[in-house]
Amino acid sequence: LVSSAQPSTIDEAVFVHRRLEALRRDGDCFVINRVRPRMLPE
């Protein structure tokens, strides 16, 4: 599944993931696009 890091799209990815699980079509990975990289150490 591909998503962005926005809360609403994460919720959508979780929803699709659960639907796929219910259909026994579970995916193997998640790709999160447009993640802002940290500039400073945590």
PDB file of all heavy atoms in Angstrom:
ATOM      1  N   LEU A   1       0.839  -1.174   0.000  1.00  0.00           N
ATOM      2  CA  LEU A   1       0.000   0.000   0.000  1.00  0.00           C
ATOM      3  C   LEU A   1       0.883   1.235   0.000  1.00  0.00           C
ATOM      4  O   LEU A   1       1.925   1.259   0.643  1.00  0.00           O
ATOM      5  CB  LEU A   1      -0.891   0.015   1.250  1.00  0.00           C
ATOM      6  CG  LEU A   1      -1.983  -1.044   1.299  1.00  0.00           C
ATOM      7  CD1 LEU A   1      -2.610  -1.084   2.674  1.00  0.00           C
ATOM      8  CD2 LEU A   1      -3.022  -0.773   0.253  1.00  0.00           C
ATOM      9  N   VAL A   2       0.447   2.260  -0.697  1.00  0.00           N
ATOM     10  CA  VAL A   2       1.182   3.514  -0.771  1.00  0.00           C
ATOM     11  C   VAL A   2       0.320   4.602  -0.144  1.00  0.00           C
ATOM     12  O   VAL A   2      -0.881   4.681  -0.400  1.00  0.00           O
ATOM     13  CB  VAL A   2       1.523   3.882  -2.231  1.00  0.00           C
ATOM     14  CG1 VAL A   2       2.252   5.213  -2.306  1.00  0.00           C
ATOM     15  CG2 VAL A   2       2.351   2.773  -2.872  1.00  0.00           C
ATOM     16  N   SER A   3       0.947   5.435   0.671  1.00  0.00           N
ATOM     17  CA  SER A   3       0.234   6.497   1.379  1.00  0.00           C
ATOM     18  C   SER A   3       1.178   7.672   1.565  1.00  0.00           C
ATOM     19  O   SER A   3       2.370   7.582   1.279  1.00  0.00           O
ATOM     20  CB  SER A   3      -0.229   5.973   2.752  1.00  0.00           C
ATOM     21  OG  SER A   3      -0.879   6.983   3.489  1.00  0.00           O
ATOM     22  N   SER A   4       0.631   8.763   2.074  1.00  0.00           N
ATOM     23  CA  SER A   4       1.477   9.853   2.558  1.00  0.00           C
ATOM     24  C   SER A   4       1.473   9.762   4.075  1.00  0.00           C
ATOM     25  O   SER A   4       0.815   8.899   4.653  1.00  0.00           O
ATOM     26  CB  SER A   4       0.951  11.212   2.092  1.00  0.00           C
ATOM     27  OG  SER A   4      -0.211  11.566   2.812  1.00  0.00           O
ATOM     28  N   ALA A   5       2.176  10.651   4.737  1.00  0.00           N
ATOM     29  CA  ALA A   5       2.263  10.606   6.197  1.00  0.00           C
ATOM     30  C   ALA A   5       1.185  11.460   6.870  1.00  0.00           C
ATOM     31  O   ALA A   5       1.239  11.680   8.075  1.00  0.00           O
ATOM     32  CB  ALA A   5       3.647  11.064   6.660  1.00  0.00           C
ATOM     33  N   GLN A   6       0.215  11.917   6.103  1.00  0.00           N
ATOM     34  CA  GLN A   6      -0.871  12.716   6.687  1.00  0.00           C
ATOM     35  C   GLN A   6      -1.811  11.800   7.475  1.00  0.00           C
ATOM     36  O   GLN A   6      -2.070  10.661   7.064  1.00  0.00           O
ATOM     37  CB  GLN A   6      -1.645  13.442   5.591  1.00  0.00           C
ATOM     38  CG  GLN A   6      -0.791  14.397   4.789  1.00  0.00           C
ATOM     39  CD  GLN A   6      -0.125  15.426   5.680  1.00  0.00           C
ATOM     40  OE1 GLN A   6      -0.769  16.086   6.482  1.00  0.00           O
ATOM     41  NE2 GLN A   6       1.190  15.546   5.554  1.00  0.00           N
ATOM     42  N   PRO A   7      -2.327  12.265   8.609  1.00  0.00           N
ATOM     43  CA  PRO A   7      -3.193  11.404   9.430  1.00  0.00           C
ATOM     44  C   PRO A   7      -4.360  10.790   8.661  1.00  0.00           C
ATOM     45  O   PRO A   7      -4.649   9.598   8.824  1.00  0.00           O
ATOM     46  CB  PRO A   7      -3.677  12.348  10.530  1.00  0.00           C
ATOM     47  CG  PRO A   7      -2.601  13.380  10.643  1.00  0.00           C
ATOM     48  CD  PRO A   7      -2.087  13.564   9.236  1.00  0.00           C
ATOM     49  N   SER A   8      -5.022  11.560   7.809  1.00  0.00           N
ATOM     50  CA  SER A   8      -6.180  11.017   7.086  1.00  0.00           C
ATOM     51  C   SER A   8      -5.767   9.930   6.094  1.00  0.00           C
ATOM     52  O   SER A   8      -6.488   8.930   5.940  1.00  0.00           O
ATOM     53  CB  SER A   8      -6.937  12.132   6.366  1.00  0.00           C
ATOM     54  OG  SER A   8      -6.100  12.763   5.417  1.00  0.00           O
ATOM     55  N   THR A   9      -4.623  10.085   5.434  1.00  0.00           N
ATOM     56  CA  THR A   9      -4.204   9.051   4.488  1.00  0.00           C
ATOM     57  C   THR A   9      -3.655   7.825   5.206  1.00  0.00           C
ATOM     58  O   THR A   9      -3.787   6.705   4.698  1.00  0.00           O
ATOM     59  CB  THR A   9      -3.188   9.585   3.460  1.00  0.00           C
ATOM     60  OG1 THR A   9      -2.047  10.080   4.140  1.00  0.00           O
ATOM     61  CG2 THR A   9      -3.795  10.682   2.605  1.00  0.00           C
ATOM     62  N   ILE A  10      -3.088   8.009   6.375  1.00  0.00           N
ATOM     63  CA  ILE A  10      -2.679   6.858   7.184  1.00  0.00           C
ATOM     64  C   ILE A  10      -3.924   6.071   7.595  1.00  0.00           C
ATOM     65  O   ILE A  10      -3.958   4.836   7.506  1.00  0.00           O
ATOM     66  CB  ILE A  10      -1.860   7.288   8.419  1.00  0.00           C
ATOM     67  CG1 ILE A  10      -0.502   7.869   7.995  1.00  0.00           C
ATOM     68  CG2 ILE A  10      -1.687   6.130   9.413  1.00  0.00           C
ATOM     69  CD1 ILE A  10       0.462   6.899   7.370  1.00  0.00           C
ATOM     70  N   ASP A  11      -4.968   6.780   8.011  1.00  0.00           N
ATOM     71  CA  ASP A  11      -6.231   6.111   8.360  1.00  0.00           C
ATOM     72  C   ASP A  11      -6.792   5.340   7.169  1.00  0.00           C
ATOM     73  O   ASP A  11      -7.282   4.215   7.322  1.00  0.00           O
ATOM     74  CB  ASP A  11      -7.261   7.122   8.866  1.00  0.00           C
ATOM     75  CG  ASP A  11      -6.910   7.705  10.223  1.00  0.00           C
ATOM     76  OD1 ASP A  11      -6.110   7.087  10.967  1.00  0.00           O
ATOM     77  OD2 ASP A  11      -7.441   8.787  10.549  1.00  0.00           O
ATOM     78  N   GLU A  12      -6.722   5.935   5.975  1.00  0.00           N
ATOM     79  CA  GLU A  12      -7.189   5.240   4.769  1.00  0.00           C
ATOM     80  C   GLU A  12      -6.355   3.995   4.489  1.00  0.00           C
ATOM     81  O   GLU A  12      -6.901   2.946   4.115  1.00  0.00           O
ATOM     82  CB  GLU A  12      -7.144   6.174   3.562  1.00  0.00           C
ATOM     83  CG  GLU A  12      -8.171   7.275   3.606  1.00  0.00           C
ATOM     84  CD  GLU A  12      -7.987   8.300   2.501  1.00  0.00           C
ATOM     85  OE1 GLU A  12      -7.132   8.094   1.601  1.00  0.00           O
ATOM     86  OE2 GLU A  12      -8.691   9.316   2.533  1.00  0.00           O
ATOM     87  N   ALA A  13      -5.046   4.084   4.672  1.00  0.00           N
ATOM     88  CA  ALA A  13      -4.174   2.923   4.451  1.00  0.00           C
ATOM     89  C   ALA A  13      -4.515   1.803   5.432  1.00  0.00           C
ATOM     90  O   ALA A  13      -4.548   0.632   5.054  1.00  0.00           O
ATOM     91  CB  ALA A  13      -2.709   3.318   4.575  1.00  0.00           C
ATOM     92  N   VAL A  14      -4.777   2.167   6.683  1.00  0.00           N
ATOM     93  CA  VAL A  14      -5.166   1.168   7.681  1.00  0.00           C
ATOM     94  C   VAL A  14      -6.487   0.521   7.270  1.00  0.00           C
ATOM     95  O   VAL A  14      -6.637  -0.709   7.336  1.00  0.00           O
ATOM     96  CB  VAL A  14      -5.270   1.803   9.087  1.00  0.00           C
ATOM     97  CG1 VAL A  14      -5.888   0.831  10.075  1.00  0.00           C
ATOM     98  CG2 VAL A  14      -3.899   2.266   9.566  1.00  0.00           C
ATOM     99  N   PHE A  15      -7.445   1.324   6.815  1.00  0.00           N
ATOM    100  CA  PHE A  15      -8.740   0.799   6.377  1.00  0.00           C
ATOM    101  C   PHE A  15      -8.565  -0.183   5.221  1.00  0.00           C
ATOM    102  O   PHE A  15      -9.106  -1.303   5.253  1.00  0.00           O
ATOM    103  CB  PHE A  15      -9.660   1.955   5.963  1.00  0.00           C
ATOM    104  CG  PHE A  15     -10.941   1.496   5.342  1.00  0.00           C
ATOM    105  CD1 PHE A  15     -11.989   1.047   6.139  1.00  0.00           C
ATOM    106  CD2 PHE A  15     -11.100   1.494   3.966  1.00  0.00           C
ATOM    107  CE1 PHE A  15     -13.182   0.602   5.562  1.00  0.00           C
ATOM    108  CE2 PHE A  15     -12.279   1.056   3.388  1.00  0.00           C
ATOM    109  CZ  PHE A  15     -13.328   0.609   4.187  1.00  0.00           C
ATOM    110  N   VAL A  16      -7.798   0.211   4.200  1.00  0.00           N
ATOM    111  CA  VAL A  16      -7.587  -0.668   3.044  1.00  0.00           C
ATOM    112  C   VAL A  16      -6.858  -1.935   3.477  1.00  0.00           C
ATOM    113  O   VAL A  16      -7.210  -3.048   3.048  1.00  0.00           O
ATOM    114  CB  VAL A  16      -6.825   0.074   1.924  1.00  0.00           C
ATOM    115  CG1 VAL A  16      -6.384  -0.884   0.823  1.00  0.00           C
ATOM    116  CG2 VAL A  16      -7.681   1.195   1.358  1.00  0.00           C
ATOM    117  N   HIS A  17      -5.864  -1.789   4.331  1.00  0.00           N
ATOM    118  CA  HIS A  17      -5.129  -2.949   4.837  1.00  0.00           C
ATOM    119  C   HIS A  17      -6.087  -3.937   5.512  1.00  0.00           C
ATOM    120  O   HIS A  17      -6.020  -5.149   5.269  1.00  0.00           O
ATOM    121  CB  HIS A  17      -4.051  -2.493   5.820  1.00  0.00           C
ATOM    122  CG  HIS A  17      -3.424  -3.593   6.589  1.00  0.00           C
ATOM    123  ND1 HIS A  17      -2.570  -4.514   6.022  1.00  0.00           N
ATOM    124  CD2 HIS A  17      -3.536  -3.951   7.891  1.00  0.00           C
ATOM    125  CE1 HIS A  17      -2.187  -5.383   6.938  1.00  0.00           C
ATOM    126  NE2 HIS A  17      -2.757  -5.057   8.087  1.00  0.00           N
ATOM    127  N   ARG A  18      -6.953  -3.429   6.358  1.00  0.00           N
ATOM    128  CA  ARG A  18      -7.911  -4.311   7.061  1.00  0.00           C
ATOM    129  C   ARG A  18      -8.891  -4.965   6.097  1.00  0.00           C
ATOM    130  O   ARG A  18      -9.252  -6.128   6.278  1.00  0.00           O
ATOM    131  CB  ARG A  18      -8.622  -3.525   8.149  1.00  0.00           C
ATOM    132  CG  ARG A  18      -7.674  -3.202   9.288  1.00  0.00           C
ATOM    133  CD  ARG A  18      -8.348  -2.560  10.445  1.00  0.00           C
ATOM    134  NE  ARG A  18      -7.378  -2.367  11.519  1.00  0.00           N
ATOM    135  CZ  ARG A  18      -7.467  -1.430  12.426  1.00  0.00           C
ATOM    136  NH1 ARG A  18      -8.487  -0.599  12.421  1.00  0.00           N
ATOM    137  NH2 ARG A  18      -6.545  -1.316  13.364  1.00  0.00           N
ATOM    138  N   ARG A  19      -9.319  -4.221   5.084  1.00  0.00           N
ATOM    139  CA  ARG A  19     -10.214  -4.808   4.084  1.00  0.00           C
ATOM    140  C   ARG A  19      -9.491  -5.919   3.317  1.00  0.00           C
ATOM    141  O   ARG A  19     -10.063  -6.965   3.053  1.00  0.00           O
ATOM    142  CB  ARG A  19     -10.710  -3.731   3.106  1.00  0.00           C
ATOM    143  CG  ARG A  19     -11.607  -2.694   3.739  1.00  0.00           C
ATOM    144  CD  ARG A  19     -12.962  -3.214   4.112  1.00  0.00           C
ATOM    145  NE  ARG A  19     -13.651  -3.600   2.890  1.00  0.00           N
ATOM    146  CZ  ARG A  19     -14.626  -4.489   2.836  1.00  0.00           C
ATOM    147  NH1 ARG A  19     -15.043  -5.080   3.926  1.00  0.00           N
ATOM    148  NH2 ARG A  19     -15.199  -4.778   1.700  1.00  0.00           N
ATOM    149  N   LEU A  20      -8.239  -5.671   2.966  1.00  0.00           N
ATOM    150  CA  LEU A  20      -7.471  -6.701   2.266  1.00  0.00           C
ATOM    151  C   LEU A  20      -7.280  -7.930   3.148  1.00  0.00           C
ATOM    152  O   LEU A  20      -7.368  -9.066   2.665  1.00  0.00           O
ATOM    153  CB  LEU A  20      -6.114  -6.151   1.822  1.00  0.00           C
ATOM    154  CG  LEU A  20      -6.145  -5.149   0.673  1.00  0.00           C
ATOM    155  CD1 LEU A  20      -4.769  -4.521   0.475  1.00  0.00           C
ATOM    156  CD2 LEU A  20      -6.633  -5.803  -0.607  1.00  0.00           C
ATOM    157  N   GLU A  21      -7.023  -7.710   4.429  1.00  0.00           N
ATOM    158  CA  GLU A  21      -6.900  -8.843   5.359  1.00  0.00           C
ATOM    159  C   GLU A  21      -8.195  -9.648   5.402  1.00  0.00           C
ATOM    160  O   GLU A  21      -8.163 -10.882   5.393  1.00  0.00           O
ATOM    161  CB  GLU A  21      -6.571  -8.353   6.771  1.00  0.00           C
ATOM    162  CG  GLU A  21      -5.125  -8.111   7.020  1.00  0.00           C
ATOM    163  CD  GLU A  21      -4.860  -7.769   8.479  1.00  0.00           C
ATOM    164  OE1 GLU A  21      -5.726  -7.188   9.147  1.00  0.00           O
ATOM    165  OE2 GLU A  21      -3.756  -8.103   8.929  1.00  0.00           O
ATOM    166  N   ALA A  22      -9.321  -8.955   5.450  1.00  0.00           N
ATOM    167  CA  ALA A  22     -10.616  -9.634   5.499  1.00  0.00           C
ATOM    168  C   ALA A  22     -10.850 -10.468   4.238  1.00  0.00           C
ATOM    169  O   ALA A  22     -11.501 -11.517   4.293  1.00  0.00           O
ATOM    170  CB  ALA A  22     -11.740  -8.613   5.670  1.00  0.00           C
ATOM    171  N   LEU A  23     -10.295 -10.009   3.131  1.00  0.00           N
ATOM    172  CA  LEU A  23     -10.411 -10.743   1.868  1.00  0.00           C
ATOM    173  C   LEU A  23      -9.274 -11.740   1.676  1.00  0.00           C
ATOM    174  O   LEU A  23      -9.157 -12.352   0.625  1.00  0.00           O
ATOM    175  CB  LEU A  23     -10.433  -9.758   0.697  1.00  0.00           C
ATOM    176  CG  LEU A  23     -11.620  -8.804   0.640  1.00  0.00           C
ATOM    177  CD1 LEU A  23     -11.387  -7.735  -0.416  1.00  0.00           C
ATOM    178  CD2 LEU A  23     -12.907  -9.566   0.387  1.00  0.00           C
ATOM    179  N   ARG A  24      -8.431 -11.843   2.702  1.00  0.00           N
ATOM    180  CA  ARG A  24      -7.248 -12.711   2.647  1.00  0.00           C
ATOM    181  C   ARG A  24      -6.326 -12.345   1.494  1.00  0.00           C
ATOM    182  O   ARG A  24      -5.732 -13.190   0.833  1.00  0.00           O
ATOM    183  CB  ARG A  24      -7.648 -14.167   2.597  1.00  0.00           C
ATOM    184  CG  ARG A  24      -8.400 -14.563   3.840  1.00  0.00           C
ATOM    185  CD  ARG A  24      -8.937 -15.924   3.771  1.00  0.00           C
ATOM    186  NE  ARG A  24      -9.891 -16.044   4.873  1.00  0.00           N
ATOM    187  CZ  ARG A  24     -10.049 -17.122   5.576  1.00  0.00           C
ATOM    188  NH1 ARG A  24      -9.352 -18.180   5.303  1.00  0.00           N
ATOM    189  NH2 ARG A  24     -10.929 -17.162   6.544  1.00  0.00           N
ATOM    190  N   ARG A  25      -6.206 -11.050   1.270  1.00  0.00           N
ATOM    191  CA  ARG A  25      -5.341 -10.504   0.220  1.00  0.00           C
ATOM    192  C   ARG A  25      -4.351  -9.528   0.839  1.00  0.00           C
ATOM    193  O   ARG A  25      -4.107  -8.462   0.320  1.00  0.00           O
ATOM    194  CB  ARG A  25      -6.173  -9.752  -0.828  1.00  0.00           C
ATOM    195  CG  ARG A  25      -7.177 -10.584  -1.515  1.00  0.00           C
ATOM    196  CD  ARG A  25      -6.512 -11.283  -2.637  1.00  0.00           C
ATOM    197  NE  ARG A  25      -7.526 -11.974  -3.430  1.00  0.00           N
ATOM    198  CZ  ARG A  25      -7.223 -12.847  -4.325  1.00  0.00           C
ATOM    199  NH1 ARG A  25      -5.976 -13.147  -4.553  1.00  0.00           N
ATOM    200  NH2 ARG A  25      -8.159 -13.440  -4.999  1.00  0.00           N
ATOM    201  N   ASP A  26      -3.791  -9.904   1.940  1.00  0.00           N
ATOM    202  CA  ASP A  26      -2.899  -9.032   2.692  1.00  0.00           C
ATOM    203  C   ASP A  26      -1.658  -8.694   1.881  1.00  0.00           C
ATOM    204  O   ASP A  26      -1.068  -9.548   1.233  1.00  0.00           O
ATOM    205  CB  ASP A  26      -2.504  -9.722   3.998  1.00  0.00           C
ATOM    206  CG  ASP A  26      -1.825  -8.795   4.967  1.00  0.00           C
ATOM    207  OD1 ASP A  26      -2.055  -7.585   4.884  1.00  0.00           O
ATOM    208  OD2 ASP A  26      -1.081  -9.298   5.814  1.00  0.00           O
ATOM    209  N   GLY A  27      -1.264  -7.421   1.907  1.00  0.00           N
ATOM    210  CA  GLY A  27      -0.049  -6.980   1.235  1.00  0.00           C
ATOM    211  C   GLY A  27       1.157  -7.171   2.141  1.00  0.00           C
ATOM    212  O   GLY A  27       1.025  -7.407   3.335  1.00  0.00           O
ATOM    213  N   ASP A  28       2.317  -7.073   1.562  1.00  0.00           N
ATOM    214  CA  ASP A  28       3.543  -7.286   2.321  1.00  0.00           C
ATOM    215  C   ASP A  28       4.161  -6.008   2.857  1.00  0.00           C
ATOM    216  O   ASP A  28       4.896  -6.037   3.827  1.00  0.00           O
ATOM    217  CB  ASP A  28       4.587  -7.985   1.461  1.00  0.00           C
ATOM    218  CG  ASP A  28       4.248  -9.435   1.220  1.00  0.00           C
ATOM    219  OD1 ASP A  28       3.410  -9.978   1.949  1.00  0.00           O
ATOM    220  OD2 ASP A  28       4.829 -10.019   0.305  1.00  0.00           O
ATOM    221  N   CYS A  29       3.924  -4.864   2.171  1.00  0.00           N
ATOM    222  CA  CYS A  29       4.641  -3.670   2.604  1.00  0.00           C
ATOM    223  C   CYS A  29       3.820  -2.406   2.407  1.00  0.00           C
ATOM    224  O   CYS A  29       2.837  -2.380   1.674  1.00  0.00           O
ATOM    225  CB  CYS A  29       5.987  -3.566   1.905  1.00  0.00           C
ATOM    226  SG  CYS A  29       5.909  -3.093   0.193  1.00  0.00           S
ATOM    227  N   PHE A  30       4.296  -1.379   3.077  1.00  0.00           N
ATOM    228  CA  PHE A  30       3.718  -0.045   3.002  1.00  0.00           C
ATOM    229  C   PHE A  30       4.821   0.903   2.540  1.00  0.00           C
ATOM    230  O   PHE A  30       5.946   0.828   3.031  1.00  0.00           O
ATOM    231  CB  PHE A  30       3.225   0.413   4.372  1.00  0.00           C
ATOM    232  CG  PHE A  30       2.060  -0.372   4.893  1.00  0.00           C
ATOM    233  CD1 PHE A  30       2.241  -1.604   5.512  1.00  0.00           C
ATOM    234  CD2 PHE A  30       0.770   0.127   4.780  1.00  0.00           C
ATOM    235  CE1 PHE A  30       1.176  -2.321   5.999  1.00  0.00           C
ATOM    236  CE2 PHE A  30      -0.306  -0.586   5.261  1.00  0.00           C
ATOM    237  CZ  PHE A  30      -0.113  -1.811   5.876  1.00  0.00           C
ATOM    238  N   VAL A  31       4.484   1.801   1.627  1.00  0.00           N
ATOM    239  CA  VAL A  31       5.401   2.849   1.185  1.00  0.00           C
ATOM    240  C   VAL A  31       4.748   4.176   1.549  1.00  0.00           C
ATOM    241  O   VAL A  31       3.623   4.452   1.127  1.00  0.00           O
ATOM    242  CB  VAL A  31       5.667   2.782  -0.334  1.00  0.00           C
ATOM    243  CG1 VAL A  31       6.522   3.959  -0.789  1.00  0.00           C
ATOM    244  CG2 VAL A  31       6.330   1.461  -0.697  1.00  0.00           C
ATOM    245  N   ILE A  32       5.452   4.960   2.329  1.00  0.00           N
ATOM    246  CA  ILE A  32       4.938   6.249   2.756  1.00  0.00           C
ATOM    247  C   ILE A  32       5.710   7.332   2.003  1.00  0.00           C
ATOM    248  O   ILE A  32       6.921   7.480   2.173  1.00  0.00           O
ATOM    249  CB  ILE A  32       5.074   6.440   4.281  1.00  0.00           C
ATOM    250  CG1 ILE A  32       4.525   5.218   5.025  1.00  0.00           C
ATOM    251  CG2 ILE A  32       4.378   7.715   4.724  1.00  0.00           C
ATOM    252  CD1 ILE A  32       3.104   4.831   4.670  1.00  0.00           C
ATOM    253  N   ASN A  33       4.994   8.080   1.167  1.00  0.00           N
ATOM    254  CA  ASN A  33       5.576   9.118   0.323  1.00  0.00           C
ATOM    255  C   ASN A  33       5.631  10.461   1.030  1.00  0.00           C
ATOM    256  O   ASN A  33       4.857  10.726   1.946  1.00  0.00           O
ATOM    257  CB  ASN A  33       4.703   9.322  -0.922  1.00  0.00           C
ATOM    258  CG  ASN A  33       5.015   8.337  -2.000  1.00  0.00           C
ATOM    259  OD1 ASN A  33       6.151   7.955  -2.212  1.00  0.00           O
ATOM    260  ND2 ASN A  33       3.978   7.937  -2.710  1.00  0.00           N
ATOM    261  N   ARG A  34       6.486  11.304   0.524  1.00  0.00           N
ATOM    262  CA  ARG A  34       6.567  12.711   0.926  1.00  0.00           C
ATOM    263  C   ARG A  34       6.790  12.904   2.423  1.00  0.00           C
ATOM    264  O   ARG A  34       6.206  13.768   3.049  1.00  0.00           O
ATOM    265  CB  ARG A  34       5.340  13.475   0.461  1.00  0.00           C
ATOM    266  CG  ARG A  34       5.209  13.481  -1.040  1.00  0.00           C
ATOM    267  CD  ARG A  34       4.021  14.244  -1.503  1.00  0.00           C
ATOM    268  NE  ARG A  34       4.012  14.266  -2.962  1.00  0.00           N
ATOM    269  CZ  ARG A  34       3.082  14.846  -3.662  1.00  0.00           C
ATOM    270  NH1 ARG A  34       2.099  15.457  -3.089  1.00  0.00           N
ATOM    271  NH2 ARG A  34       3.154  14.810  -4.970  1.00  0.00           N
ATOM    272  N   VAL A  35       7.647  12.071   2.977  1.00  0.00           N
ATOM    273  CA  VAL A  35       7.988  12.187   4.391  1.00  0.00           C
ATOM    274  C   VAL A  35       9.048  13.278   4.532  1.00  0.00           C
ATOM    275  O   VAL A  35      10.065  13.250   3.844  1.00  0.00           O
ATOM    276  CB  VAL A  35       8.514  10.843   4.945  1.00  0.00           C
ATOM    277  CG1 VAL A  35       8.966  10.989   6.389  1.00  0.00           C
ATOM    278  CG2 VAL A  35       7.443   9.771   4.809  1.00  0.00           C
ATOM    279  N   ARG A  36       8.784  14.219   5.418  1.00  0.00           N
ATOM    280  CA  ARG A  36       9.751  15.300   5.648  1.00  0.00           C
ATOM    281  C   ARG A  36      10.910  14.753   6.475  1.00  0.00           C
ATOM    282  O   ARG A  36      10.694  14.216   7.564  1.00  0.00           O
ATOM    283  CB  ARG A  36       9.081  16.464   6.363  1.00  0.00           C
ATOM    284  CG  ARG A  36       8.117  17.212   5.446  1.00  0.00           C
ATOM    285  CD  ARG A  36       7.301  18.190   6.235  1.00  0.00           C
ATOM    286  NE  ARG A  36       6.164  17.503   6.805  1.00  0.00           N
ATOM    287  CZ  ARG A  36       4.898  17.861   6.610  1.00  0.00           C
ATOM    288  NH1 ARG A  36       4.599  18.901   5.880  1.00  0.00           N
ATOM    289  NH2 ARG A  36       3.924  17.181   7.162  1.00  0.00           N
ATOM    290  N   PRO A  37      12.133  14.872   5.960  1.00  0.00           N
ATOM    291  CA  PRO A  37      13.287  14.355   6.713  1.00  0.00           C
ATOM    292  C   PRO A  37      13.679  15.310   7.835  1.00  0.00           C
ATOM    293  O   PRO A  37      13.512  16.525   7.729  1.00  0.00           O
ATOM    294  CB  PRO A  37      14.399  14.291   5.661  1.00  0.00           C
ATOM    295  CG  PRO A  37      14.028  15.336   4.671  1.00  0.00           C
ATOM    296  CD  PRO A  37      12.521  15.394   4.652  1.00  0.00           C
ATOM    297  N   ARG A  38      14.180  14.741   8.915  1.00  0.00           N
ATOM    298  CA  ARG A  38      14.682  15.564  10.014  1.00  0.00           C
ATOM    299  C   ARG A  38      15.984  16.215   9.573  1.00  0.00           C
ATOM    300  O   ARG A  38      16.782  15.612   8.877  1.00  0.00           O
ATOM    301  CB  ARG A  38      14.916  14.704  11.241  1.00  0.00           C
ATOM    302  CG  ARG A  38      13.687  13.921  11.614  1.00  0.00           C
ATOM    303  CD  ARG A  38      13.083  14.052  12.883  1.00  0.00           C
ATOM    304  NE  ARG A  38      13.458  15.099  13.762  1.00  0.00           N
ATOM    305  CZ  ARG A  38      12.998  15.133  14.993  1.00  0.00           C
ATOM    306  NH1 ARG A  38      12.219  14.194  15.423  1.00  0.00           N
ATOM    307  NH2 ARG A  38      13.326  16.116  15.787  1.00  0.00           N
ATOM    308  N   MET A  39      16.184  17.431  10.000  1.00  0.00           N
ATOM    309  CA  MET A  39      17.418  18.160   9.703  1.00  0.00           C
ATOM    310  C   MET A  39      18.373  18.108  10.884  1.00  0.00           C
ATOM    311  O   MET A  39      19.571  18.288  10.714  1.00  0.00           O
ATOM    312  CB  MET A  39      17.114  19.625   9.374  1.00  0.00           C
ATOM    313  CG  MET A  39      16.133  19.791   8.242  1.00  0.00           C
ATOM    314  SD  MET A  39      16.838  19.277   6.714  1.00  0.00           S
ATOM    315  CE  MET A  39      16.630  20.733   5.749  1.00  0.00           C
ATOM    316  N   LEU A  40      17.826  17.883  12.068  1.00  0.00           N
ATOM    317  CA  LEU A  40      18.616  17.845  13.302  1.00  0.00           C
ATOM    318  C   LEU A  40      18.483  16.463  13.927  1.00  0.00           C
ATOM    319  O   LEU A  40      17.465  15.796  13.732  1.00  0.00           O
ATOM    320  CB  LEU A  40      18.102  18.886  14.300  1.00  0.00           C
ATOM    321  CG  LEU A  40      18.162  20.351  13.869  1.00  0.00           C
ATOM    322  CD1 LEU A  40      17.436  21.228  14.887  1.00  0.00           C
ATOM    323  CD2 LEU A  40      19.599  20.792  13.721  1.00  0.00           C
ATOM    324  N   PRO A  41      19.453  16.033  14.711  1.00  0.00           N
ATOM    325  CA  PRO A  41      19.284  14.783  15.452  1.00  0.00           C
ATOM    326  C   PRO A  41      18.075  14.893  16.386  1.00  0.00           C
ATOM    327  O   PRO A  41      17.747  15.989  16.869  1.00  0.00           O
ATOM    328  CB  PRO A  41      20.580  14.659  16.257  1.00  0.00           C
ATOM    329  CG  PRO A  41      21.551  15.567  15.592  1.00  0.00           C
ATOM    330  CD  PRO A  41      20.753  16.661  14.943  1.00  0.00           C
ATOM    331  N   GLU A  42      17.421  13.766  16.615  1.00  0.00           N
ATOM    332  CA  GLU A  42      16.226  13.776  17.465  1.00  0.00           C
ATOM    333  C   GLU A  42      16.547  14.367  18.833  1.00  0.00           C
ATOM    334  O   GLU A  42      17.550  14.042  19.456  1.00  0.00           O
ATOM    335  CB  GLU A  42      15.669  12.365  17.626  1.00  0.00           C
ATOM    336  CG  GLU A  42      14.309  12.364  18.259  1.00  0.00           C
ATOM    337  CD  GLU A  42      13.564  11.073  18.047  1.00  0.00           C
ATOM    338  OE1 GLU A  42      13.953  10.292  17.166  1.00  0.00           O
ATOM    339  OE2 GLU A  42      12.606  10.850  18.769  1.00  0.00           O
TER     340      GLU A  42
END
